Amino acid sequence: MKKRKVISSIILIIWFVFSITDFSLAKVNKTPIFATPVIRYKDGGSTEYYGLGYKVIKYVNLTVERGPEVVKIDFGTWFMRFSPTQ
């Protein structure tokens, strides 16, 4: 019983560290570390990353002058939809 509690606590701590790290990176418009890229859009390089219970969407615009530039990065659940117009 105690071993099960220790294992579940370790798993919860690992999940918490992964999600907090990727959340803080999304706040400063950086690419997540622990989430993997799953869907890449052909709009300049926008990408959806999936983590352990969360999703990070990186919106990229393609400009003639500067090339691809990151517009914003959203952090949310797996049910969050790609919406570049917001």
Protein backbone atom coordinates (compact mmCIF):
# COMPACT_ATOMS: atom_id res chain seq x y z
CA MET A 1 0.00 0.00 0.00
CA LYS A 2 2.78 2.43 0.90
CA LYS A 3 4.74 1.53 -2.25
CA ARG A 4 1.71 2.34 -4.42
CA LYS A 5 1.34 5.72 -2.71
CA VAL A 6 5.02 6.55 -3.28
CA ILE A 7 4.85 5.58 -6.96
CA SER A 8 1.71 7.62 -7.57
CA SER A 9 3.28 10.61 -5.79
CA ILE A 10 6.38 10.38 -7.99
CA ILE A 11 4.24 10.21 -11.13
CA LEU A 12 2.23 13.24 -9.99
CA ILE A 13 5.40 15.23 -9.29
CA ILE A 14 6.85 14.37 -12.71
CA TRP A 15 3.61 15.44 -14.43
CA PHE A 16 3.58 18.67 -12.44
CA VAL A 17 7.19 19.50 -13.36
CA PHE A 18 6.58 18.76 -17.07
CA SER A 19 3.43 20.86 -17.28
CA ILE A 20 4.80 23.81 -15.28
CA THR A 21 7.99 23.87 -17.38
CA ASP A 22 6.10 23.89 -20.68
CA PHE A 23 3.59 26.43 -19.33
CA SER A 24 6.34 28.83 -18.31
CA LEU A 25 8.02 28.43 -21.71
CA ALA A 26 4.71 29.15 -23.46
CA LYS A 27 4.34 32.37 -21.45
CA VAL A 28 7.61 33.72 -22.88
CA ASN A 29 6.88 32.46 -26.47
CA LYS A 30 9.39 29.59 -26.41
CA THR A 31 8.93 26.08 -27.83
CA PRO A 32 7.95 23.44 -25.22
CA ILE A 33 10.53 20.89 -24.09
CA PHE A 34 8.41 17.97 -22.84
CA ALA A 35 5.57 18.10 -25.39
CA THR A 36 6.03 16.43 -28.78
CA PRO A 37 5.05 18.04 -32.10
CA VAL A 38 2.09 16.18 -33.59
CA ILE A 39 0.49 18.44 -36.21
CA ARG A 40 2.31 20.96 -38.42
CA TYR A 41 0.25 23.42 -40.44
CA LYS A 42 1.29 24.88 -43.79
CA ASP A 43 0.54 28.48 -42.82
CA GLY A 44 4.10 29.46 -42.06
CA GLY A 45 5.01 26.78 -39.55
CA SER A 46 2.29 26.67 -36.89
CA THR A 47 2.58 23.52 -34.78
CA GLU A 48 0.50 21.65 -32.20
CA TYR A 49 2.47 19.97 -29.40
CA TYR A 50 0.94 17.32 -27.13
CA GLY A 51 2.13 16.71 -23.59
CA LEU A 52 0.87 14.62 -20.69
CA GLY A 53 -2.69 15.95 -20.49
CA TYR A 54 -2.02 19.32 -22.09
CA LYS A 55 -1.53 20.88 -25.50
CA VAL A 56 0.67 23.75 -26.67
CA ILE A 57 -0.11 25.50 -29.95
CA LYS A 58 2.57 27.69 -31.53
CA TYR A 59 1.13 30.14 -34.08
CA VAL A 60 3.60 31.30 -36.75
CA ASN A 61 3.03 33.85 -39.50
CA LEU A 62 5.07 33.93 -42.68
CA THR A 63 6.05 37.47 -43.67
CA VAL A 64 7.90 38.63 -46.75
CA GLU A 65 10.20 41.01 -44.88
CA ARG A 66 11.21 38.93 -41.86
CA GLY A 67 10.28 35.37 -42.80
CA PRO A 68 8.54 33.12 -40.24
CA GLU A 69 7.80 34.82 -36.92
CA VAL A 70 6.09 33.44 -33.83
CA VAL A 71 2.87 35.35 -33.17
CA LYS A 72 1.81 33.66 -29.93
CA ILE A 73 1.87 30.38 -28.06
CA ASP A 74 -1.25 28.98 -26.34
CA PHE A 75 -1.28 26.45 -23.48
CA GLY A 76 -4.39 24.41 -22.64
CA THR A 77 -6.04 21.00 -22.56
CA TRP A 78 -6.07 18.42 -25.35
CA PHE A 79 -9.50 19.75 -26.37
CA MET A 80 -8.19 23.22 -27.25
CA ARG A 81 -8.75 24.00 -30.95
CA PHE A 82 -6.37 25.58 -33.44
CA SER A 83 -7.65 29.10 -34.11
CA PRO A 84 -5.06 31.44 -35.65
CA THR A 85 -7.42 34.43 -35.94
CA GLN A 86 -7.65 35.10 -32.19
